[in-house]
PDB file of N, CA and C in Angstrom:
ATOM      1  N   MET A   1      24.119 119.211 142.290  1.00  0.00           N
ATOM      2  CA  MET A   1      22.970 118.762 143.194  1.00  0.00           C
ATOM      3  C   MET A   1      21.717 119.622 142.940  1.00  0.00           C
ATOM      4  N   SER A   2      20.742 119.103 142.430  1.00  0.00           N
ATOM      5  CA  SER A   2      19.420 119.868 142.111  1.00  0.00           C
ATOM      6  C   SER A   2      18.585 120.066 143.226  1.00  0.00           C
ATOM      7  N   GLY A   3      18.671 119.421 144.310  1.00  0.00           N
ATOM      8  CA  GLY A   3      17.800 119.829 145.479  1.00  0.00           C
ATOM      9  C   GLY A   3      16.458 118.875 145.490  1.00  0.00           C
ATOM     10  N   ASP A   4      16.194 118.284 144.339  1.00  0.00           N
ATOM     11  CA  ASP A   4      15.057 117.521 144.209  1.00  0.00           C
ATOM     12  C   ASP A   4      15.353 115.947 144.071  1.00  0.00           C
ATOM     13  N   ASP A   5      14.422 115.176 144.659  1.00  0.00           N
ATOM     14  CA  ASP A   5      14.629 113.799 144.444  1.00  0.00           C
ATOM     15  C   ASP A   5      13.817 113.344 143.389  1.00  0.00           C
ATOM     16  N   ALA A   6      13.792 111.969 143.135  1.00  0.00           N
ATOM     17  CA  ALA A   6      13.093 111.473 141.927  1.00  0.00           C
ATOM     18  C   ALA A   6      11.561 111.819 142.029  1.00  0.00           C
ATOM     19  N   GLY A   7      10.999 112.078 143.078  1.00  0.00           N
ATOM     20  CA  GLY A   7       9.545 112.341 143.090  1.00  0.00           C
ATOM     21  C   GLY A   7       9.419 113.911 143.081  1.00  0.00           C
ATOM     22  N   GLY A   8      10.472 114.731 142.862  1.00  0.00           N
ATOM     23  CA  GLY A   8      10.217 116.149 142.677  1.00  0.00           C
ATOM     24  C   GLY A   8      10.101 116.871 143.898  1.00  0.00           C
ATOM     25  N   ARG A   9      10.286 116.287 145.110  1.00  0.00           N
ATOM     26  CA  ARG A   9      10.173 117.004 146.296  1.00  0.00           C
ATOM     27  C   ARG A   9      11.533 116.807 147.058  1.00  0.00           C
ATOM     28  N   LEU A  10      11.663 117.714 148.154  1.00  0.00           N
ATOM     29  CA  LEU A  10      12.932 117.540 148.869  1.00  0.00           C
ATOM     30  C   LEU A  10      12.424 117.503 150.350  1.00  0.00           C
ATOM     31  N   VAL A  11      12.789 116.320 151.008  1.00  0.00           N
ATOM     32  CA  VAL A  11      12.582 116.405 152.369  1.00  0.00           C
ATOM     33  C   VAL A  11      13.864 116.079 153.082  1.00  0.00           C
ATOM     34  N   ARG A  12      14.215 117.026 153.884  1.00  0.00           N
ATOM     35  CA  ARG A  12      15.551 116.821 154.466  1.00  0.00           C
ATOM     36  C   ARG A  12      15.399 115.822 155.585  1.00  0.00           C
ATOM     37  N   PRO A  13      16.407 115.020 155.838  1.00  0.00           N
ATOM     38  CA  PRO A  13      16.488 114.014 157.005  1.00  0.00           C
ATOM     39  C   PRO A  13      16.034 114.556 158.455  1.00  0.00           C
ATOM     40  N   PHE A  14      16.805 115.699 158.515  1.00  0.00           N
ATOM     41  CA  PHE A  14      16.309 116.233 159.938  1.00  0.00           C
ATOM     42  C   PHE A  14      14.956 116.782 160.092  1.00  0.00           C
ATOM     43  N   THR A  15      14.243 116.906 158.984  1.00  0.00           N
ATOM     44  CA  THR A  15      12.766 117.178 159.142  1.00  0.00           C
ATOM     45  C   THR A  15      12.026 116.118 159.590  1.00  0.00           C
ATOM     46  N   LEU A  16      12.408 114.810 158.891  1.00  0.00           N
ATOM     47  CA  LEU A  16      11.768 113.641 159.236  1.00  0.00           C
ATOM     48  C   LEU A  16      11.929 113.135 160.685  1.00  0.00           C
ATOM     49  N   THR A  17      13.165 113.622 161.324  1.00  0.00           N
ATOM     50  CA  THR A  17      13.455 113.073 162.538  1.00  0.00           C
ATOM     51  C   THR A  17      13.086 114.308 163.522  1.00  0.00           C
ATOM     52  N   GLY A  18      12.522 115.254 163.233  1.00  0.00           N
ATOM     53  CA  GLY A  18      12.090 116.326 164.252  1.00  0.00           C
ATOM     54  C   GLY A  18      13.513 117.135 164.762  1.00  0.00           C
ATOM     55  N   GLY A  19      14.564 117.011 163.825  1.00  0.00           N
ATOM     56  CA  GLY A  19      15.833 117.625 164.271  1.00  0.00           C
ATOM     57  C   GLY A  19      16.682 116.696 165.094  1.00  0.00           C
ATOM     58  N   ARG A  20      16.160 115.385 165.394  1.00  0.00           N
ATOM     59  CA  ARG A  20      17.032 114.530 166.122  1.00  0.00           C
ATOM     60  C   ARG A  20      18.133 113.814 165.348  1.00  0.00           C
ATOM     61  N   THR A  21      19.199 113.618 165.792  1.00  0.00           N
ATOM     62  CA  THR A  21      20.386 113.096 165.137  1.00  0.00           C
ATOM     63  C   THR A  21      20.776 111.889 165.637  1.00  0.00           C
ATOM     64  N   ARG A  22      20.295 111.402 166.777  1.00  0.00           N
ATOM     65  CA  ARG A  22      20.587 110.180 167.427  1.00  0.00           C
ATOM     66  C   ARG A  22      19.302 109.508 167.913  1.00  0.00           C
ATOM     67  N   PRO A  23      19.326 108.181 167.767  1.00  0.00           N
ATOM     68  CA  PRO A  23      18.199 107.246 168.167  1.00  0.00           C
ATOM     69  C   PRO A  23      18.138 107.400 169.783  1.00  0.00           C
ATOM     70  N   SER A  24      16.800 107.246 170.146  1.00  0.00           N
ATOM     71  CA  SER A  24      16.428 107.321 171.484  1.00  0.00           C
ATOM     72  C   SER A  24      16.708 105.837 172.270  1.00  0.00           C
ATOM     73  N   ARG A  25      17.027 104.936 171.546  1.00  0.00           N
ATOM     74  CA  ARG A  25      17.338 103.516 171.972  1.00  0.00           C
ATOM     75  C   ARG A  25      18.466 102.845 171.093  1.00  0.00           C
ATOM     76  N   ALA A  26      18.871 101.753 171.774  1.00  0.00           N
ATOM     77  CA  ALA A  26      19.977 101.172 171.241  1.00  0.00           C
ATOM     78  C   ALA A  26      19.395  99.651 170.589  1.00  0.00           C
ATOM     79  N   ASP A  27      18.209  99.509 170.276  1.00  0.00           N
ATOM     80  CA  ASP A  27      17.611  98.322 169.859  1.00  0.00           C
ATOM     81  C   ASP A  27      18.108  97.903 168.477  1.00  0.00           C
ATOM     82  N   PHE A  28      18.542  98.674 167.513  1.00  0.00           N
ATOM     83  CA  PHE A  28      18.651  98.470 166.238  1.00  0.00           C
ATOM     84  C   PHE A  28      20.081  98.385 165.693  1.00  0.00           C
ATOM     85  N   THR A  29      20.207  97.315 164.941  1.00  0.00           N
ATOM     86  CA  THR A  29      21.462  97.116 164.225  1.00  0.00           C
ATOM     87  C   THR A  29      20.924  97.079 162.690  1.00  0.00           C
ATOM     88  N   LEU A  30      21.958  96.965 161.820  1.00  0.00           N
ATOM     89  CA  LEU A  30      21.596  96.801 160.400  1.00  0.00           C
ATOM     90  C   LEU A  30      20.722  95.413 160.254  1.00  0.00           C
ATOM     91  N   ILE A  31      21.037  94.457 160.934  1.00  0.00           N
ATOM     92  CA  ILE A  31      20.398  93.116 160.665  1.00  0.00           C
ATOM     93  C   ILE A  31      19.209  93.046 161.784  1.00  0.00           C
ATOM     94  N   THR A  32      18.774  93.732 162.461  1.00  0.00           N
ATOM     95  CA  THR A  32      17.626  93.613 163.381  1.00  0.00           C
ATOM     96  C   THR A  32      16.455  93.532 162.567  1.00  0.00           C
ATOM     97  N   THR A  33      15.666  92.506 162.869  1.00  0.00           N
ATOM     98  CA  THR A  33      14.302  92.383 162.225  1.00  0.00           C
ATOM     99  C   THR A  33      13.165  92.998 162.806  1.00  0.00           C
ATOM    100  N   VAL A  34      12.316  93.756 161.921  1.00  0.00           N
ATOM    101  CA  VAL A  34      11.339  94.826 162.322  1.00  0.00           C
ATOM    102  C   VAL A  34      10.126  94.051 161.792  1.00  0.00           C
ATOM    103  N   THR A  35       8.912  94.082 162.622  1.00  0.00           N
ATOM    104  CA  THR A  35       7.742  93.623 162.063  1.00  0.00           C
ATOM    105  C   THR A  35       6.607  94.558 162.744  1.00  0.00           C
ATOM    106  N   ALA A  36       5.694  94.882 161.863  1.00  0.00           N
ATOM    107  CA  ALA A  36       4.525  95.873 162.342  1.00  0.00           C
ATOM    108  C   ALA A  36       3.729  94.929 163.225  1.00  0.00           C
ATOM    109  N   VAL A  37       3.069  95.623 164.131  1.00  0.00           N
ATOM    110  CA  VAL A  37       2.032  95.135 165.068  1.00  0.00           C
ATOM    111  C   VAL A  37       0.741  95.132 164.430  1.00  0.00           C
ATOM    112  N   ASP A  38       0.141  93.852 164.543  1.00  0.00           N
ATOM    113  CA  ASP A  38      -1.190  93.654 163.884  1.00  0.00           C
ATOM    114  C   ASP A  38      -2.033  93.021 164.821  1.00  0.00           C
ATOM    115  N   PRO A  39      -3.263  93.772 165.197  1.00  0.00           N
ATOM    116  CA  PRO A  39      -3.636  95.107 164.626  1.00  0.00           C
ATOM    117  C   PRO A  39      -2.743  96.191 165.484  1.00  0.00           C
ATOM    118  N   PRO A  40      -2.602  97.411 164.750  1.00  0.00           N
ATOM    119  CA  PRO A  40      -1.914  98.480 165.364  1.00  0.00           C
ATOM    120  C   PRO A  40      -2.667  98.941 166.736  1.00  0.00           C
ATOM    121  N   PRO A  41      -1.873  99.540 167.528  1.00  0.00           N
ATOM    122  CA  PRO A  41      -2.561 100.062 168.812  1.00  0.00           C
ATOM    123  C   PRO A  41      -3.461 101.286 168.342  1.00  0.00           C
ATOM    124  N   GLU A  42      -4.641 101.375 169.250  1.00  0.00           N
ATOM    125  CA  GLU A  42      -5.527 102.536 168.839  1.00  0.00           C
ATOM    126  C   GLU A  42      -5.143 103.877 169.404  1.00  0.00           C
ATOM    127  N   HIS A  43      -4.249 103.748 170.219  1.00  0.00           N
ATOM    128  CA  HIS A  43      -3.840 104.972 170.909  1.00  0.00           C
ATOM    129  C   HIS A  43      -2.516 105.575 170.394  1.00  0.00           C
ATOM    130  N   GLY A  44      -2.151 106.789 170.753  1.00  0.00           N
ATOM    131  CA  GLY A  44      -0.869 107.426 170.413  1.00  0.00           C
ATOM    132  C   GLY A  44      -1.145 108.140 169.156  1.00  0.00           C
ATOM    133  N   PRO A  45       0.172 108.822 168.881  1.00  0.00           N
ATOM    134  CA  PRO A  45       0.033 109.837 167.656  1.00  0.00           C
ATOM    135  C   PRO A  45       0.038 109.207 166.346  1.00  0.00           C
ATOM    136  N   ARG A  46      -0.590 109.856 165.402  1.00  0.00           N
ATOM    137  CA  ARG A  46      -0.734 109.321 164.070  1.00  0.00           C
ATOM    138  C   ARG A  46       0.870 109.319 163.410  1.00  0.00           C
ATOM    139  N   PRO A  47       1.056 108.201 162.785  1.00  0.00           N
ATOM    140  CA  PRO A  47       2.354 108.094 162.238  1.00  0.00           C
ATOM    141  C   PRO A  47       2.553 109.059 160.970  1.00  0.00           C
ATOM    142  N   GLN A  48       3.776 109.562 160.808  1.00  0.00           N
ATOM    143  CA  GLN A  48       4.034 110.335 159.671  1.00  0.00           C
ATOM    144  C   GLN A  48       4.118 109.583 158.494  1.00  0.00           C
ATOM    145  N   PRO A  49       4.138 110.123 157.317  1.00  0.00           N
ATOM    146  CA  PRO A  49       4.185 109.465 156.085  1.00  0.00           C
ATOM    147  C   PRO A  49       5.112 108.384 155.891  1.00  0.00           C
ATOM    148  N   GLU A  50       6.376 108.673 156.398  1.00  0.00           N
ATOM    149  CA  GLU A  50       7.472 107.871 156.107  1.00  0.00           C
ATOM    150  C   GLU A  50       7.302 106.671 157.104  1.00  0.00           C
ATOM    151  N   GLN A  51       6.774 106.828 158.364  1.00  0.00           N
ATOM    152  CA  GLN A  51       6.438 105.836 159.303  1.00  0.00           C
ATOM    153  C   GLN A  51       5.361 104.989 158.656  1.00  0.00           C
ATOM    154  N   THR A  52       4.443 105.482 157.884  1.00  0.00           N
ATOM    155  CA  THR A  52       3.368 104.722 157.530  1.00  0.00           C
ATOM    156  C   THR A  52       4.058 103.644 156.365  1.00  0.00           C
ATOM    157  N   ARG A  53       4.864 104.274 155.626  1.00  0.00           N
ATOM    158  CA  ARG A  53       5.499 103.597 154.578  1.00  0.00           C
ATOM    159  C   ARG A  53       6.471 102.352 155.166  1.00  0.00           C
ATOM    160  N   ILE A  54       7.175 102.747 156.422  1.00  0.00           N
ATOM    161  CA  ILE A  54       7.774 101.617 157.192  1.00  0.00           C
ATOM    162  C   ILE A  54       6.827 100.523 157.626  1.00  0.00           C
ATOM    163  N   LEU A  55       5.798 100.975 158.084  1.00  0.00           N
ATOM    164  CA  LEU A  55       4.808  99.986 158.666  1.00  0.00           C
ATOM    165  C   LEU A  55       4.287  99.194 157.460  1.00  0.00           C
ATOM    166  N   ARG A  56       3.943  99.656 156.308  1.00  0.00           N
ATOM    167  CA  ARG A  56       3.456  98.704 155.384  1.00  0.00           C
ATOM    168  C   ARG A  56       4.630  97.827 154.794  1.00  0.00           C
ATOM    169  N   LEU A  57       5.990  98.356 154.771  1.00  0.00           N
ATOM    170  CA  LEU A  57       6.902  97.419 154.482  1.00  0.00           C
ATOM    171  C   LEU A  57       7.244  96.259 155.588  1.00  0.00           C
ATOM    172  N   CYS A  58       6.868  96.648 156.742  1.00  0.00           N
ATOM    173  CA  CYS A  58       7.100  95.659 157.740  1.00  0.00           C
ATOM    174  C   CYS A  58       5.919  94.846 158.150  1.00  0.00           C
ATOM    175  N   ALA A  59       5.010  94.817 157.261  1.00  0.00           N
ATOM    176  CA  ALA A  59       3.873  93.838 157.289  1.00  0.00           C
ATOM    177  C   ALA A  59       4.410  92.340 157.560  1.00  0.00           C
ATOM    178  N   ARG A  60       5.417  91.971 156.876  1.00  0.00           N
ATOM    179  CA  ARG A  60       6.280  90.782 157.028  1.00  0.00           C
ATOM    180  C   ARG A  60       7.581  91.176 157.459  1.00  0.00           C
ATOM    181  N   PRO A  61       8.318  90.304 158.174  1.00  0.00           N
ATOM    182  CA  PRO A  61       9.515  90.775 158.833  1.00  0.00           C
ATOM    183  C   PRO A  61      10.589  91.184 157.904  1.00  0.00           C
ATOM    184  N   VAL A  62      11.323  92.266 158.137  1.00  0.00           N
ATOM    185  CA  VAL A  62      12.218  92.749 157.333  1.00  0.00           C
ATOM    186  C   VAL A  62      13.418  93.383 158.173  1.00  0.00           C
ATOM    187  N   VAL A  63      14.605  93.481 157.662  1.00  0.00           N
ATOM    188  CA  VAL A  63      15.834  93.983 158.425  1.00  0.00           C
ATOM    189  C   VAL A  63      15.896  95.369 158.154  1.00  0.00           C
ATOM    190  N   VAL A  64      16.568  96.122 159.114  1.00  0.00           N
ATOM    191  CA  VAL A  64      16.779  97.608 159.050  1.00  0.00           C
ATOM    192  C   VAL A  64      17.339  98.139 157.739  1.00  0.00           C
ATOM    193  N   ALA A  65      18.329  97.419 157.325  1.00  0.00           N
ATOM    194  CA  ALA A  65      19.222  97.716 156.041  1.00  0.00           C
ATOM    195  C   ALA A  65      18.355  97.681 154.940  1.00  0.00           C
ATOM    196  N   GLU A  66      17.659  96.729 154.960  1.00  0.00           N
ATOM    197  CA  GLU A  66      16.574  96.697 153.653  1.00  0.00           C
ATOM    198  C   GLU A  66      15.509  97.756 153.669  1.00  0.00           C
ATOM    199  N   LEU A  67      14.928  98.049 154.891  1.00  0.00           N
ATOM    200  CA  LEU A  67      14.119  99.117 154.987  1.00  0.00           C
ATOM    201  C   LEU A  67      14.704 100.432 154.463  1.00  0.00           C
ATOM    202  N   ALA A  68      15.936 100.733 154.989  1.00  0.00           N
ATOM    203  CA  ALA A  68      16.581 101.920 154.642  1.00  0.00           C
ATOM    204  C   ALA A  68      16.717 102.022 152.944  1.00  0.00           C
ATOM    205  N   ALA A  69      17.142 100.866 152.431  1.00  0.00           N
ATOM    206  CA  ALA A  69      17.226 100.765 150.938  1.00  0.00           C
ATOM    207  C   ALA A  69      15.787 101.066 150.237  1.00  0.00           C
ATOM    208  N   HIS A  70      14.818 100.359 150.747  1.00  0.00           N
ATOM    209  CA  HIS A  70      13.432 100.583 150.121  1.00  0.00           C
ATOM    210  C   HIS A  70      13.000 101.959 150.232  1.00  0.00           C
ATOM    211  N   LEU A  71      13.305 102.695 151.534  1.00  0.00           N
ATOM    212  CA  LEU A  71      12.877 104.049 151.580  1.00  0.00           C
ATOM    213  C   LEU A  71      13.816 104.991 150.995  1.00  0.00           C
ATOM    214  N   ASP A  72      14.902 104.606 150.642  1.00  0.00           N
ATOM    215  CA  ASP A  72      15.908 105.495 150.074  1.00  0.00           C
ATOM    216  C   ASP A  72      16.311 106.642 151.126  1.00  0.00           C
ATOM    217  N   LEU A  73      16.458 106.197 152.367  1.00  0.00           N
ATOM    218  CA  LEU A  73      16.837 107.142 153.372  1.00  0.00           C
ATOM    219  C   LEU A  73      18.090 106.560 154.116  1.00  0.00           C
ATOM    220  N   PRO A  74      18.816 107.453 154.863  1.00  0.00           N
ATOM    221  CA  PRO A  74      19.990 106.887 155.560  1.00  0.00           C
ATOM    222  C   PRO A  74      19.630 106.062 156.665  1.00  0.00           C
ATOM    223  N   VAL A  75      20.530 105.050 157.047  1.00  0.00           N
ATOM    224  CA  VAL A  75      20.128 104.127 158.126  1.00  0.00           C
ATOM    225  C   VAL A  75      19.812 104.917 159.298  1.00  0.00           C
ATOM    226  N   SER A  76      20.547 105.980 159.538  1.00  0.00           N
ATOM    227  CA  SER A  76      20.494 106.603 160.828  1.00  0.00           C
ATOM    228  C   SER A  76      19.135 107.345 161.038  1.00  0.00           C
ATOM    229  N   VAL A  77      18.445 107.838 159.890  1.00  0.00           N
ATOM    230  CA  VAL A  77      17.213 108.478 160.037  1.00  0.00           C
ATOM    231  C   VAL A  77      16.045 107.269 160.154  1.00  0.00           C
ATOM    232  N   VAL A  78      16.168 106.171 159.359  1.00  0.00           N
ATOM    233  CA  VAL A  78      15.257 105.142 159.606  1.00  0.00           C
ATOM    234  C   VAL A  78      15.278 104.693 161.128  1.00  0.00           C
ATOM    235  N   VAL A  79      16.407 104.530 161.699  1.00  0.00           N
ATOM    236  CA  VAL A  79      16.570 103.912 163.137  1.00  0.00           C
ATOM    237  C   VAL A  79      15.875 104.957 164.018  1.00  0.00           C
ATOM    238  N   ILE A  80      16.007 106.286 163.766  1.00  0.00           N
ATOM    239  CA  ILE A  80      15.170 107.299 164.628  1.00  0.00           C
ATOM    240  C   ILE A  80      13.711 107.001 164.383  1.00  0.00           C
ATOM    241  N   LEU A  81      13.294 106.920 163.177  1.00  0.00           N
ATOM    242  CA  LEU A  81      11.756 106.638 162.963  1.00  0.00           C
ATOM    243  C   LEU A  81      11.273 105.169 163.479  1.00  0.00           C
ATOM    244  N   LEU A  82      12.167 104.127 163.510  1.00  0.00           N
ATOM    245  CA  LEU A  82      11.878 102.918 164.021  1.00  0.00           C
ATOM    246  C   LEU A  82      11.834 103.076 165.630  1.00  0.00           C
ATOM    247  N   CYS A  83      12.572 103.780 166.188  1.00  0.00           N
ATOM    248  CA  CYS A  83      12.598 104.101 167.784  1.00  0.00           C
ATOM    249  C   CYS A  83      11.180 104.655 167.982  1.00  0.00           C
ATOM    250  N   ASP A  84      10.802 105.805 167.275  1.00  0.00           N
ATOM    251  CA  ASP A  84       9.442 106.164 167.464  1.00  0.00           C
ATOM    252  C   ASP A  84       8.342 105.116 167.406  1.00  0.00           C
ATOM    253  N   LEU A  85       8.333 104.426 166.430  1.00  0.00           N
ATOM    254  CA  LEU A  85       7.373 103.463 166.097  1.00  0.00           C
ATOM    255  C   LEU A  85       7.464 102.300 167.251  1.00  0.00           C
ATOM    256  N   LEU A  86       8.637 101.879 167.819  1.00  0.00           N
ATOM    257  CA  LEU A  86       8.652 101.025 168.739  1.00  0.00           C
ATOM    258  C   LEU A  86       8.116 101.537 170.096  1.00  0.00           C
ATOM    259  N   GLU A  87       8.461 102.705 170.502  1.00  0.00           N
ATOM    260  CA  GLU A  87       7.920 103.339 171.729  1.00  0.00           C
ATOM    261  C   GLU A  87       6.490 103.477 171.600  1.00  0.00           C
ATOM    262  N   ALA A  88       5.937 103.518 170.385  1.00  0.00           N
ATOM    263  CA  ALA A  88       4.499 103.874 170.175  1.00  0.00           C
ATOM    264  C   ALA A  88       3.752 102.434 170.309  1.00  0.00           C
ATOM    265  N   GLY A  89       4.585 101.294 170.304  1.00  0.00           N
ATOM    266  CA  GLY A  89       3.929 100.019 170.197  1.00  0.00           C
ATOM    267  C   GLY A  89       3.527  99.606 168.932  1.00  0.00           C
ATOM    268  N   ARG A  90       4.087 100.255 167.812  1.00  0.00           N
ATOM    269  CA  ARG A  90       3.611  99.860 166.496  1.00  0.00           C
ATOM    270  C   ARG A  90       4.414  98.856 165.776  1.00  0.00           C
ATOM    271  N   ILE A  91       5.448  98.493 166.381  1.00  0.00           N
ATOM    272  CA  ILE A  91       6.460  97.499 165.759  1.00  0.00           C
ATOM    273  C   ILE A  91       6.980  96.605 166.785  1.00  0.00           C
ATOM    274  N   THR A  92       7.432  95.482 166.538  1.00  0.00           N
ATOM    275  CA  THR A  92       8.237  94.496 167.327  1.00  0.00           C
ATOM    276  C   THR A  92       9.657  94.488 166.690  1.00  0.00           C
ATOM    277  N   VAL A  93      10.613  94.297 167.457  1.00  0.00           N
ATOM    278  CA  VAL A  93      12.072  93.998 167.030  1.00  0.00           C
ATOM    279  C   VAL A  93      12.564  92.634 167.513  1.00  0.00           C
ATOM    280  N   ARG A  94      13.342  92.044 166.535  1.00  0.00           N
ATOM    281  CA  ARG A  94      14.018  90.789 167.003  1.00  0.00           C
ATOM    282  C   ARG A  94      15.512  90.859 166.570  1.00  0.00           C
ATOM    283  N   GLN A  95      16.320  90.792 167.640  1.00  0.00           N
ATOM    284  CA  GLN A  95      17.758  90.813 167.307  1.00  0.00           C
ATOM    285  C   GLN A  95      18.114  89.648 166.719  1.00  0.00           C
ATOM    286  N   PRO A  96      19.298  89.767 165.929  1.00  0.00           N
ATOM    287  CA  PRO A  96      19.921  88.335 165.277  1.00  0.00           C
ATOM    288  C   PRO A  96      20.268  87.572 166.330  1.00  0.00           C
ATOM    289  N   ARG A  97      20.169  86.148 166.101  1.00  0.00           N
ATOM    290  CA  ARG A  97      20.674  85.196 167.001  1.00  0.00           C
ATOM    291  C   ARG A  97      22.184  85.081 166.723  1.00  0.00           C
ATOM    292  N   PRO A  98      22.998  85.191 167.820  1.00  0.00           N
ATOM    293  CA  PRO A  98      24.418  84.910 167.602  1.00  0.00           C
ATOM    294  C   PRO A  98      24.894  83.569 167.259  1.00  0.00           C
ATOM    295  N   VAL A  99      25.787  83.645 166.415  1.00  0.00           N
ATOM    296  CA  VAL A  99      26.251  82.304 165.713  1.00  0.00           C
ATOM    297  C   VAL A  99      27.240  81.695 166.826  1.00  0.00           C
ATOM    298  N   SER A 100      26.940  80.363 166.948  1.00  0.00           N
ATOM    299  CA  SER A 100      27.735  79.688 168.049  1.00  0.00           C
ATOM    300  C   SER A 100      28.603  78.800 167.437  1.00  0.00           C
ATOM    301  N   GLY A 101      29.801  78.500 167.955  1.00  0.00           N
ATOM    302  CA  GLY A 101      30.621  77.484 167.445  1.00  0.00           C
ATOM    303  C   GLY A 101      31.356  77.853 166.148  1.00  0.00           C
ATOM    304  N   SER A 102      32.084  77.002 165.574  1.00  0.00           N
ATOM    305  CA  SER A 102      32.817  77.193 164.540  1.00  0.00           C
ATOM    306  C   SER A 102      31.912  76.648 163.242  1.00  0.00           C
ATOM    307  N   PRO A 103      32.271  77.064 162.058  1.00  0.00           N
ATOM    308  CA  PRO A 103      31.531  76.673 160.937  1.00  0.00           C
ATOM    309  C   PRO A 103      31.781  75.299 160.543  1.00  0.00           C
ATOM    310  N   ASP A 104      30.909  74.494 160.041  1.00  0.00           N
ATOM    311  CA  ASP A 104      31.097  73.124 159.769  1.00  0.00           C
ATOM    312  C   ASP A 104      32.065  72.988 158.475  1.00  0.00           C
ATOM    313  N   PRO A 105      33.161  72.382 158.472  1.00  0.00           N
ATOM    314  CA  PRO A 105      33.973  72.276 157.442  1.00  0.00           C
ATOM    315  C   PRO A 105      33.277  71.732 156.328  1.00  0.00           C
ATOM    316  N   ASN A 106      32.529  70.743 156.430  1.00  0.00           N
ATOM    317  CA  ASN A 106      31.738  70.011 155.316  1.00  0.00           C
ATOM    318  C   ASN A 106      30.902  70.839 154.711  1.00  0.00           C
ATOM    319  N   LEU A 107      30.150  71.750 155.313  1.00  0.00           N
ATOM    320  CA  LEU A 107      29.365  72.658 154.782  1.00  0.00           C
ATOM    321  C   LEU A 107      30.046  73.694 153.878  1.00  0.00           C
ATOM    322  N   LEU A 108      31.291  74.089 154.576  1.00  0.00           N
ATOM    323  CA  LEU A 108      32.044  75.090 153.838  1.00  0.00           C
ATOM    324  C   LEU A 108      32.621  74.634 152.531  1.00  0.00           C
ATOM    325  N   GLN A 109      33.041  73.358 152.460  1.00  0.00           N
ATOM    326  CA  GLN A 109      33.454  72.683 151.364  1.00  0.00           C
ATOM    327  C   GLN A 109      32.327  72.519 150.161  1.00  0.00           C
ATOM    328  N   LYS A 110      31.314  72.200 150.555  1.00  0.00           N
ATOM    329  CA  LYS A 110      30.040  72.128 149.755  1.00  0.00           C
ATOM    330  C   LYS A 110      29.780  73.521 149.105  1.00  0.00           C
ATOM    331  N   VAL A 111      29.885  74.597 149.879  1.00  0.00           N
ATOM    332  CA  VAL A 111      29.555  75.991 149.315  1.00  0.00           C
ATOM    333  C   VAL A 111      30.756  76.312 148.349  1.00  0.00           C
ATOM    334  N   ARG A 112      31.940  75.890 148.830  1.00  0.00           N
ATOM    335  CA  ARG A 112      33.062  76.404 147.854  1.00  0.00           C
ATOM    336  C   ARG A 112      32.932  75.532 146.499  1.00  0.00           C
ATOM    337  N   ASP A 113      32.552  74.378 146.626  1.00  0.00           N
ATOM    338  CA  ASP A 113      32.362  73.530 145.360  1.00  0.00           C
ATOM    339  C   ASP A 113      31.298  74.017 144.519  1.00  0.00           C
ATOM    340  N   GLY A 114      30.060  74.512 145.294  1.00  0.00           N
ATOM    341  CA  GLY A 114      29.062  74.998 144.499  1.00  0.00           C
ATOM    342  C   GLY A 114      29.293  76.369 143.819  1.00  0.00           C
ATOM    343  N   LEU A 115      30.155  77.137 144.526  1.00  0.00           N
ATOM    344  CA  LEU A 115      30.527  78.397 143.837  1.00  0.00           C
ATOM    345  C   LEU A 115      31.607  78.241 142.799  1.00  0.00           C
ATOM    346  N   GLY A 116      32.492  77.139 142.880  1.00  0.00           N
ATOM    347  CA  GLY A 116      33.208  76.803 141.776  1.00  0.00           C
ATOM    348  C   GLY A 116      32.529  76.489 140.479  1.00  0.00           C
ATOM    349  N   ARG A 117      31.336  75.769 140.664  1.00  0.00           N
ATOM    350  CA  ARG A 117      30.610  75.410 139.433  1.00  0.00           C
ATOM    351  C   ARG A 117      29.906  76.534 138.753  1.00  0.00           C
ATOM    352  N   LEU A 118      29.770  77.610 139.407  1.00  0.00           N
ATOM    353  CA  LEU A 118      29.116  78.837 138.861  1.00  0.00           C
ATOM    354  C   LEU A 118      29.890  79.211 137.760  1.00  0.00           C
TER     355      LEU A 118
END
């Protein structure tokens, strides 16, 4: 392990989270959709560079897992940063809608047939 990432710098996850290891809220799952608030609130602390990157990526709705992949950070770190942004009023979150009922057998057959043709 060289200690450097692709950008030639090392930022430890606990530095990004201020030493926190647990999120302050339970609003986020891997498939929670996050969107930046437009326009951003004029009050509150200035976001750190990683939070600014998150806000840029969230200009359009994006799920937590995708954010973590784009940022090349552990999901747990991204969730802590998202909690801070949510509490500052800079993002909105939308939980996934629960799937109700059983799947349509006709649709499943069409998917199976389509996959078989690949």
